[in-house]
Amino acid sequence: MPRVRPFRGVRPDPALARAVIAPPYDVLSRDEARAIASAEPRSFLHVTRPDADLPDDVDVHSERAYATARANLDRLLAEGALVQDAEPCFYLYAQTWRGRTQVGLLGLAEVADYDAGVIKKHELTRPDKEQDRVDHILATGAQTGLVFLAWRDRHARLREAIAAAMQAEPEWTAETDDGVIHAFRVVRDADRVRAIEEAMAEVPALYVADGHHRSAAASRVARELGGAHGSDGFLAGIFPDSQLQVLAYNRVVRGLNGRDSEAFLAELAEHFVLTPDVEPIPAGRGRVTMYLDGRWTELAARPGVVPDDPVGSLDVSVLQDRVLGPILGIANPRTDARISFVGGIRGPEALVAAVDAERAAGRQAVAFHLHPTGLDQLFAVADADRLMPPKSTWFEPKLRGGVVVHLLRDAPAGTRVV
């Protein structure tokens, strides 16, 4: 059973929360991060994206960049934009978007549970991205990004413990530019903290929904520090699957691997029933829509194409195994520069724009809109100790950076304790 414990969180002063919390570091370009950070000196992007404060010729993975991140974190603490709780607490982070609310329990998950597979993963990590997180944690002396964990909402005791804690008034509420309303609560009451700990102990497993690089980095840091300074735990936001929304993660491919459109469609027809002039959004699992030559076509797998396998049966796997790899020559979607991944939040319009821009420049391109991978499918893959193809899930709304931080060191002198 996974253990989750309270901790002395570093968090925004409630009056400044709207200014501090920031988009995740890994969804922004350098220019986008710079635009946000330059407009708001208290933005947490100064910590998670220190390259926004540095000249273009400074490597984003340099010692200077990581030192800047630490200096910016200490500055936010010294200025009182961030404060630290006097005693270990749990935290509740609610996000409301498009009529849906998801409530996450924020605490420290155990590195030992991650290493033992009680906290289950479903993706490989890239060595460069994992090393970046290791270097950032060690340089700042802090875990600054939440690992997004999910649990199967079958445990009434945990549901009730969180609901009871949600009765408290939020420390702060803020609406961000993307229309998401964020509300943050501190769980200080000893009885409620204990009730959450005991209820969590009944949950057999947790699943990494997003944050594979952060959790892998935390494991490495714990080994390097011998578990000292609280490094045996990692910062996690734990959400019930019943409240989570997964969007599609779509693909755009430049070029048809030496084929013209007619030859490409003929090869597709060997494995799929093609229906032209359909709506862009797939009707359900087992169906993919494709934008080619200015029209949307549905691809429905023929009998025998989809294997009885938790990984191979995923729409993203069928697309890769039957189309992207053998026909379009995308053997490794992690590294092939011809493929781009487009989050479902951007809608089919983004796929049309990308393909039409290539056509306008005299180049061929094709886009694929997938049906979202379900959490039940993610759980099945992780339970089988298997891995999903890259870019299989896109979660919305995104967890904001700076909502809470786990320090692996003493706070700088002058930090306000609340």
Protein backbone atom coordinates (compact mmCIF):
# COMPACT_ATOMS: atom_id res chain seq x y z
CA MET A 1 0.00 0.00 0.00
CA PRO A 2 1.44 3.41 -0.90
CA ARG A 3 2.15 5.82 1.91
CA VAL A 4 1.57 9.56 1.54
CA ARG A 5 2.65 11.90 4.30
CA PRO A 6 2.18 15.56 5.22
CA PHE A 7 5.05 18.03 4.99
CA ARG A 8 5.96 21.65 5.68
CA GLY A 9 5.00 23.09 2.34
CA VAL A 10 6.30 26.30 0.83
CA ARG A 11 3.38 28.04 -0.86
CA PRO A 12 2.22 31.43 -2.13
CA ASP A 13 1.13 34.13 0.25
CA PRO A 14 -2.66 33.98 -0.29
CA ALA A 15 -2.78 37.62 -1.40
CA LEU A 16 -0.19 36.92 -4.11
CA ALA A 17 -1.26 33.47 -5.31
CA ARG A 18 -2.63 34.72 -8.64
CA ALA A 19 0.70 36.35 -9.40
CA VAL A 20 2.85 33.41 -8.26
CA ILE A 21 1.24 30.31 -9.74
CA ALA A 22 2.39 29.66 -13.29
CA PRO A 23 1.90 27.28 -16.22
CA PRO A 24 3.94 24.07 -16.09
CA TYR A 25 7.55 24.56 -17.14
CA ASP A 26 7.40 21.92 -19.87
CA VAL A 27 4.50 23.25 -21.94
CA LEU A 28 6.08 26.61 -22.79
CA SER A 29 8.70 27.71 -25.27
CA ARG A 30 11.50 29.94 -24.04
CA ASP A 31 9.84 32.98 -25.62
CA GLU A 32 6.48 32.14 -24.02
CA ALA A 33 8.09 31.68 -20.61
CA ARG A 34 10.02 34.95 -21.02
CA ALA A 35 6.85 36.88 -21.88
CA ILE A 36 5.07 35.67 -18.74
CA ALA A 37 8.06 36.04 -16.42
CA SER A 38 9.02 39.50 -17.63
CA ALA A 39 5.50 40.77 -16.95
CA GLU A 40 5.36 39.34 -13.41
CA PRO A 41 8.49 39.29 -11.17
CA ARG A 42 6.73 37.01 -8.69
CA SER A 43 5.82 34.35 -11.24
CA PHE A 44 7.07 30.91 -10.29
CA LEU A 45 8.41 30.59 -13.83
CA HIS A 46 11.47 32.46 -12.56
CA VAL A 47 12.19 29.25 -10.63
CA THR A 48 11.04 26.56 -13.04
CA ARG A 49 12.16 28.34 -16.21
CA PRO A 50 15.20 30.40 -15.17
CA ASP A 51 16.22 30.57 -18.84
CA ALA A 52 13.47 33.18 -19.15
CA ASP A 53 15.76 35.52 -17.17
CA LEU A 54 18.92 34.73 -19.13
CA PRO A 55 20.29 35.68 -22.55
CA ASP A 56 19.59 33.34 -25.45
CA ASP A 57 23.22 32.21 -25.59
CA VAL A 58 23.04 30.73 -22.07
CA ASP A 59 22.34 27.00 -22.12
CA VAL A 60 19.06 26.19 -20.39
CA HIS A 61 20.80 23.22 -18.74
CA SER A 62 23.89 25.13 -17.60
CA GLU A 63 25.05 25.62 -14.02
CA ARG A 64 24.23 29.29 -14.44
CA ALA A 65 20.62 28.48 -15.25
CA TYR A 66 20.19 26.22 -12.21
CA ALA A 67 21.94 28.74 -9.94
CA THR A 68 19.52 31.38 -11.22
CA ALA A 69 16.61 29.12 -10.34
CA ARG A 70 17.85 28.79 -6.75
CA ALA A 71 18.47 32.53 -6.44
CA ASN A 72 14.96 33.25 -7.71
CA LEU A 73 13.42 30.77 -5.27
CA ASP A 74 15.29 32.37 -2.38
CA ARG A 75 14.22 35.82 -3.59
CA LEU A 76 10.53 34.85 -3.59
CA LEU A 77 10.96 33.52 -0.04
CA ALA A 78 12.81 36.63 1.12
CA GLU A 79 10.19 38.93 -0.41
CA GLY A 80 7.34 37.03 1.24
CA ALA A 81 5.73 35.94 -2.03
CA LEU A 82 6.26 32.41 -0.72
CA VAL A 83 5.74 31.34 2.89
CA GLN A 84 6.33 28.07 4.75
CA ASP A 85 4.00 26.22 7.07
CA ALA A 86 5.21 25.78 10.64
CA GLU A 87 4.00 22.18 10.90
CA PRO A 88 3.55 19.32 8.41
CA CYS A 89 0.28 19.63 6.52
CA PHE A 90 -1.64 18.09 3.68
CA TYR A 91 -3.02 20.37 1.00
CA LEU A 92 -6.05 20.17 -1.28
CA TYR A 93 -5.84 21.66 -4.76
CA ALA A 94 -9.14 22.04 -6.63
CA GLN A 95 -9.37 23.06 -10.27
CA THR A 96 -12.65 23.90 -11.98
CA TRP A 97 -12.74 24.09 -15.76
CA ARG A 98 -15.61 23.87 -18.22
CA GLY A 99 -18.03 22.79 -15.52
CA ARG A 100 -15.81 20.03 -14.11
CA THR A 101 -13.90 20.05 -10.81
CA GLN A 102 -10.97 17.86 -9.88
CA VAL A 103 -9.59 17.81 -6.34
CA GLY A 104 -6.09 16.61 -5.63
CA LEU A 105 -4.50 15.68 -2.33
CA LEU A 106 -1.02 17.21 -2.18
CA GLY A 107 1.55 15.44 -0.03
CA LEU A 108 4.79 13.51 -0.15
CA ALA A 109 4.66 10.11 -1.82
CA GLU A 110 7.36 7.62 -0.88
CA VAL A 111 10.30 7.11 -3.21
CA ALA A 112 10.49 3.55 -1.88
CA ASP A 113 6.94 2.89 -3.12
CA TYR A 114 7.88 4.26 -6.54
CA ASP A 115 11.01 2.10 -6.66
CA ALA A 116 9.00 -0.98 -5.59
CA GLY A 117 6.32 -0.45 -8.24
CA VAL A 118 3.51 0.33 -5.80
CA ILE A 119 3.41 3.68 -7.57
CA LYS A 120 3.13 2.48 -11.15
CA LYS A 121 4.43 4.12 -14.29
CA HIS A 122 3.54 3.64 -17.95
CA GLU A 123 6.16 5.62 -19.89
CA LEU A 124 9.89 5.60 -20.45
CA THR A 125 11.86 8.71 -19.59
CA ARG A 126 14.33 10.57 -21.78
CA PRO A 127 17.78 10.68 -20.14
CA ASP A 128 18.29 14.38 -20.92
CA LYS A 129 14.96 15.43 -19.43
CA GLU A 130 15.44 13.23 -16.38
CA GLN A 131 18.93 14.67 -15.80
CA ASP A 132 17.53 18.19 -16.10
CA ARG A 133 15.12 17.50 -13.23
CA VAL A 134 17.87 15.91 -11.12
CA ASP A 135 20.09 18.96 -11.63
CA HIS A 136 17.22 21.35 -10.90
CA ILE A 137 16.32 19.58 -7.63
CA LEU A 138 19.92 19.46 -6.42
CA ALA A 139 20.66 23.06 -7.36
CA THR A 140 17.50 24.57 -5.86
CA GLY A 141 17.35 22.22 -2.88
CA ALA A 142 13.69 21.78 -3.66
CA GLN A 143 11.13 19.73 -5.52
CA THR A 144 9.25 22.42 -7.41
CA GLY A 145 6.90 20.38 -9.61
CA LEU A 146 4.05 18.08 -8.66
CA VAL A 147 4.03 14.50 -9.89
CA PHE A 148 0.46 13.94 -11.09
CA LEU A 149 -0.79 10.66 -9.59
CA ALA A 150 -4.17 8.98 -10.02
CA TRP A 151 -6.06 6.50 -7.87
CA ARG A 152 -9.03 4.30 -8.68
CA ASP A 153 -12.01 5.93 -7.02
CA ARG A 154 -13.23 2.78 -5.28
CA HIS A 155 -12.28 3.69 -1.73
CA ALA A 156 -15.07 5.43 0.16
CA ARG A 157 -12.94 6.12 3.22
CA LEU A 158 -10.41 8.22 1.29
CA ARG A 159 -13.17 9.95 -0.65
CA GLU A 160 -14.91 10.85 2.62
CA ALA A 161 -11.70 12.02 4.32
CA ILE A 162 -10.95 14.38 1.46
CA ALA A 163 -14.56 15.59 1.32
CA ALA A 164 -14.45 16.39 5.05
CA ALA A 165 -11.24 18.39 4.62
CA MET A 166 -12.81 20.25 1.68
CA GLN A 167 -15.33 21.81 4.09
CA ALA A 168 -12.67 24.30 5.18
CA GLU A 169 -12.53 27.67 3.48
CA PRO A 170 -9.83 27.96 0.80
CA GLU A 171 -6.63 29.78 1.70
CA TRP A 172 -6.90 31.36 -1.73
CA THR A 173 -8.86 31.15 -4.96
CA ALA A 174 -7.66 32.43 -8.32
CA GLU A 175 -8.87 32.31 -11.90
CA THR A 176 -6.12 32.10 -14.52
CA ASP A 177 -6.17 33.34 -18.10
CA ASP A 178 -7.15 29.91 -19.44
CA GLY A 179 -10.43 30.02 -17.57
CA VAL A 180 -9.44 27.58 -14.82
CA ILE A 181 -10.49 28.42 -11.25
CA HIS A 182 -7.90 27.23 -8.74
CA ALA A 183 -8.68 26.83 -5.03
CA PHE A 184 -6.13 25.84 -2.39
CA ARG A 185 -6.79 24.52 1.12
CA VAL A 186 -4.40 23.69 3.95
CA VAL A 187 -5.21 20.63 6.06
CA ARG A 188 -3.67 21.37 9.48
CA ASP A 189 -6.11 19.65 11.83
CA ALA A 190 -4.36 16.61 13.31
CA ASP A 191 -7.47 14.42 13.18
CA ARG A 192 -8.08 15.19 9.51
CA VAL A 193 -4.42 14.65 8.65
CA ARG A 194 -4.51 11.27 10.38
CA ALA A 195 -7.80 10.33 8.71
CA ILE A 196 -6.30 11.02 5.27
CA GLU A 197 -3.12 9.06 6.05
CA GLU A 198 -5.10 6.07 7.28
CA ALA A 199 -7.51 6.14 4.35
CA MET A 200 -4.67 6.40 1.83
CA ALA A 201 -3.15 3.27 3.33
CA GLU A 202 -6.17 1.32 2.01
CA VAL A 203 -5.45 2.25 -1.61
CA PRO A 204 -3.48 -0.62 -3.19
CA ALA A 205 -1.69 1.38 -5.89
CA LEU A 206 -1.14 4.82 -7.33
CA TYR A 207 -0.46 5.56 -10.99
CA VAL A 208 1.75 8.20 -12.56
CA ALA A 209 -0.57 10.10 -14.89
CA ASP A 210 1.97 12.81 -15.68
CA GLY A 211 5.41 13.53 -14.29
CA HIS A 212 7.49 10.46 -15.15
CA HIS A 213 10.65 12.55 -15.39
CA ARG A 214 10.00 14.25 -12.04
CA SER A 215 9.36 10.99 -10.22
CA ALA A 216 12.36 9.26 -11.78
CA ALA A 217 14.53 12.25 -10.88
CA ALA A 218 13.26 12.20 -7.30
CA SER A 219 14.28 8.54 -7.02
CA ARG A 220 17.79 9.35 -8.23
CA VAL A 221 18.12 12.32 -5.88
CA ALA A 222 17.00 10.17 -2.93
CA ARG A 223 19.75 7.69 -3.71
CA GLU A 224 22.33 10.46 -4.04
CA LEU A 225 21.33 12.09 -0.76
CA GLY A 226 20.71 8.82 1.06
CA GLY A 227 17.14 9.86 1.77
CA ALA A 228 18.33 12.81 3.88
CA HIS A 229 16.53 16.16 4.10
CA GLY A 230 13.19 14.60 3.20
CA SER A 231 14.43 13.38 -0.17
CA ASP A 232 12.90 9.95 0.56
CA GLY A 233 9.58 11.52 -0.43
CA PHE A 234 8.51 13.34 -3.56
CA LEU A 235 5.96 16.06 -4.17
CA ALA A 236 2.73 14.58 -5.52
CA GLY A 237 -0.77 15.66 -6.45
CA ILE A 238 -3.08 12.66 -6.10
CA PHE A 239 -6.42 12.74 -7.93
CA PRO A 240 -9.32 10.25 -8.21
CA ASP A 241 -9.81 8.87 -11.71
CA SER A 242 -13.53 9.71 -11.56
CA GLN A 243 -12.73 13.43 -11.74
CA LEU A 244 -9.98 13.43 -14.37
CA GLN A 245 -10.35 14.38 -18.00
CA VAL A 246 -8.04 12.98 -20.65
CA LEU A 247 -7.87 14.64 -24.05
CA ALA A 248 -6.50 13.27 -27.28
CA TYR A 249 -2.82 13.62 -28.13
CA ASN A 250 -2.74 14.05 -31.89
CA ARG A 251 -0.08 13.69 -34.59
CA VAL A 252 1.08 15.68 -37.60
CA VAL A 253 3.53 14.08 -40.05
CA ARG A 254 5.43 16.05 -42.67
CA GLY A 255 5.64 14.13 -45.95
CA LEU A 256 4.18 10.78 -47.00
CA ASN A 257 7.49 8.91 -47.09
CA GLY A 258 7.86 9.15 -50.89
CA ARG A 259 4.25 8.33 -51.73
CA ASP A 260 1.56 10.41 -53.33
CA SER A 261 -1.85 10.64 -51.70
CA GLU A 262 -3.43 7.96 -53.88
CA ALA A 263 -0.75 5.38 -53.08
CA PHE A 264 -0.91 6.28 -49.39
CA LEU A 265 -4.69 5.83 -49.24
CA ALA A 266 -4.42 2.50 -51.04
CA GLU A 267 -2.00 1.17 -48.44
CA LEU A 268 -4.21 2.44 -45.61
CA ALA A 269 -7.20 0.62 -47.11
CA GLU A 270 -5.44 -2.71 -46.57
CA HIS A 271 -5.83 -2.29 -42.81
CA PHE A 272 -8.67 0.20 -42.39
CA VAL A 273 -12.11 0.94 -43.75
CA LEU A 274 -11.84 4.50 -45.07
CA THR A 275 -14.84 6.83 -44.86
CA PRO A 276 -14.22 10.27 -46.38
CA ASP A 277 -15.74 13.62 -45.45
CA VAL A 278 -16.44 12.92 -41.79
CA GLU A 279 -16.45 15.15 -38.73
CA PRO A 280 -12.93 15.78 -37.35
CA ILE A 281 -13.53 14.29 -33.88
CA PRO A 282 -13.40 10.45 -33.85
CA ALA A 283 -16.66 8.79 -32.88
CA GLY A 284 -15.06 6.50 -30.31
CA ARG A 285 -12.29 4.05 -29.57
CA GLY A 286 -10.98 2.09 -32.49
CA ARG A 287 -11.53 4.98 -34.89
CA VAL A 288 -9.03 7.61 -36.00
CA THR A 289 -9.72 10.59 -38.23
CA MET A 290 -7.13 11.79 -40.74
CA TYR A 291 -6.76 15.20 -42.38
CA LEU A 292 -5.21 14.92 -45.85
CA ASP A 293 -5.59 17.06 -48.96
CA GLY A 294 -8.16 19.32 -47.32
CA ARG A 295 -10.61 16.63 -46.14
CA TRP A 296 -11.21 14.52 -43.07
CA THR A 297 -11.35 10.73 -43.48
CA GLU A 298 -12.19 8.14 -40.84
CA LEU A 299 -9.94 5.10 -40.39
CA ALA A 300 -11.75 2.15 -38.80
CA ALA A 301 -9.60 -0.93 -38.22
CA ARG A 302 -10.49 -4.03 -40.20
CA PRO A 303 -11.00 -7.35 -38.34
CA GLY A 304 -7.74 -8.78 -37.05
CA VAL A 305 -5.87 -5.49 -37.13
CA VAL A 306 -6.25 -4.68 -33.41
CA PRO A 307 -4.49 -7.23 -31.18
CA ASP A 308 -5.88 -8.48 -27.85
CA ASP A 309 -3.17 -6.78 -25.84
CA PRO A 310 -3.32 -3.86 -23.35
CA VAL A 311 -0.67 -1.90 -25.25
CA GLY A 312 -1.16 -3.07 -28.83
CA SER A 313 -4.90 -2.40 -28.71
CA LEU A 314 -4.47 1.29 -27.90
CA ASP A 315 -5.44 3.59 -30.77
CA VAL A 316 -2.03 5.27 -30.51
CA SER A 317 -0.37 1.85 -30.86
CA VAL A 318 -2.49 0.78 -33.83
CA LEU A 319 -1.69 4.08 -35.55
CA GLN A 320 2.01 3.67 -34.88
CA ASP A 321 2.20 -0.05 -35.70
CA ARG A 322 0.06 0.04 -38.87
CA VAL A 323 0.57 3.54 -40.27
CA LEU A 324 3.31 5.70 -38.83
CA GLY A 325 5.96 3.00 -38.73
CA PRO A 326 5.49 0.73 -41.75
CA ILE A 327 3.97 3.25 -44.18
CA LEU A 328 5.28 6.67 -43.16
CA GLY A 329 8.63 5.44 -41.87
CA ILE A 330 8.35 6.93 -38.37
CA ALA A 331 10.23 4.12 -36.64
CA ASN A 332 10.97 6.13 -33.49
CA PRO A 333 8.37 8.82 -32.78
CA ARG A 334 10.48 10.07 -29.86
CA THR A 335 13.28 11.23 -32.13
CA ASP A 336 11.97 11.55 -35.70
CA ALA A 337 11.82 15.24 -36.64
CA ARG A 338 9.04 14.62 -39.19
CA ILE A 339 6.39 14.02 -36.53
CA SER A 340 4.85 16.62 -34.24
CA PHE A 341 2.49 16.05 -31.34
CA VAL A 342 -0.48 18.36 -30.77
CA GLY A 343 -2.42 18.37 -27.50
CA GLY A 344 -6.14 17.87 -27.81
CA ILE A 345 -6.76 21.16 -26.01
CA ARG A 346 -5.88 22.89 -29.30
CA GLY A 347 -8.65 21.12 -31.20
CA PRO A 348 -8.77 19.87 -34.81
CA GLU A 349 -8.25 23.44 -36.01
CA ALA A 350 -4.58 23.20 -35.03
CA LEU A 351 -4.17 20.07 -37.14
CA VAL A 352 -5.80 21.70 -40.15
CA ALA A 353 -3.60 24.77 -39.76
CA ALA A 354 -0.40 22.70 -39.55
CA VAL A 355 -1.19 20.59 -42.62
CA ASP A 356 -2.49 23.52 -44.67
CA ALA A 357 0.66 25.52 -43.89
CA GLU A 358 2.79 22.70 -45.30
CA ARG A 359 0.59 22.49 -48.40
CA ALA A 360 0.83 26.24 -48.92
CA ALA A 361 4.61 25.89 -48.91
CA GLY A 362 4.41 23.16 -51.54
CA ARG A 363 4.99 20.28 -49.12
CA GLN A 364 2.79 17.30 -48.28
CA ALA A 365 1.60 16.58 -44.74
CA VAL A 366 -1.02 14.53 -42.94
CA ALA A 367 -2.62 14.82 -39.48
CA PHE A 368 -4.29 12.22 -37.28
CA HIS A 369 -6.89 12.99 -34.62
CA LEU A 370 -7.22 10.21 -32.03
CA HIS A 371 -9.88 9.32 -29.50
CA PRO A 372 -8.53 10.01 -25.97
CA THR A 373 -6.79 7.14 -24.24
CA GLY A 374 -8.89 6.17 -21.22
CA LEU A 375 -7.64 6.00 -17.66
CA ASP A 376 -8.86 2.40 -17.59
CA GLN A 377 -6.45 1.70 -20.45
CA LEU A 378 -3.61 3.52 -18.68
CA PHE A 379 -4.23 1.48 -15.53
CA ALA A 380 -4.33 -1.78 -17.50
CA VAL A 381 -0.98 -1.03 -19.13
CA ALA A 382 0.63 -0.06 -15.84
CA ASP A 383 -0.82 -3.09 -14.02
CA ALA A 384 0.71 -5.32 -16.70
CA ASP A 385 4.06 -3.60 -16.11
CA ARG A 386 4.06 -2.45 -19.71
CA LEU A 387 4.77 0.89 -21.35
CA MET A 388 2.59 3.10 -23.52
CA PRO A 389 3.79 4.71 -26.72
CA PRO A 390 5.02 8.27 -26.20
CA LYS A 391 2.48 11.07 -26.07
CA SER A 392 -0.50 8.82 -25.37
CA THR A 393 -2.38 11.09 -22.95
CA TRP A 394 -3.02 14.80 -22.53
CA PHE A 395 -4.56 15.88 -19.24
CA GLU A 396 -6.48 19.11 -18.76
CA PRO A 397 -6.49 21.28 -16.79
CA LYS A 398 -2.75 21.33 -16.16
CA LEU A 399 -1.44 21.51 -12.60
CA ARG A 400 0.08 24.93 -12.01
CA GLY A 401 3.64 25.42 -10.87
CA GLY A 402 4.28 27.11 -7.54
CA VAL A 403 1.10 25.89 -5.85
CA VAL A 404 3.28 24.17 -3.25
CA VAL A 405 7.00 23.36 -3.02
CA HIS A 406 8.90 20.75 -1.01
CA LEU A 407 12.18 22.12 0.35
CA LEU A 408 15.04 19.65 0.81
CA ARG A 409 16.92 22.15 2.96
CA ASP A 410 16.26 24.73 5.63
CA ALA A 411 14.43 27.76 4.36
CA PRO A 412 16.60 30.88 3.98
CA ALA A 413 16.77 33.24 6.93
CA GLY A 414 13.88 35.66 6.87
CA THR A 415 11.38 33.23 5.34
CA ARG A 416 7.95 33.90 6.77
CA VAL A 417 6.55 30.94 8.67
CA VAL A 418 2.78 30.67 9.02
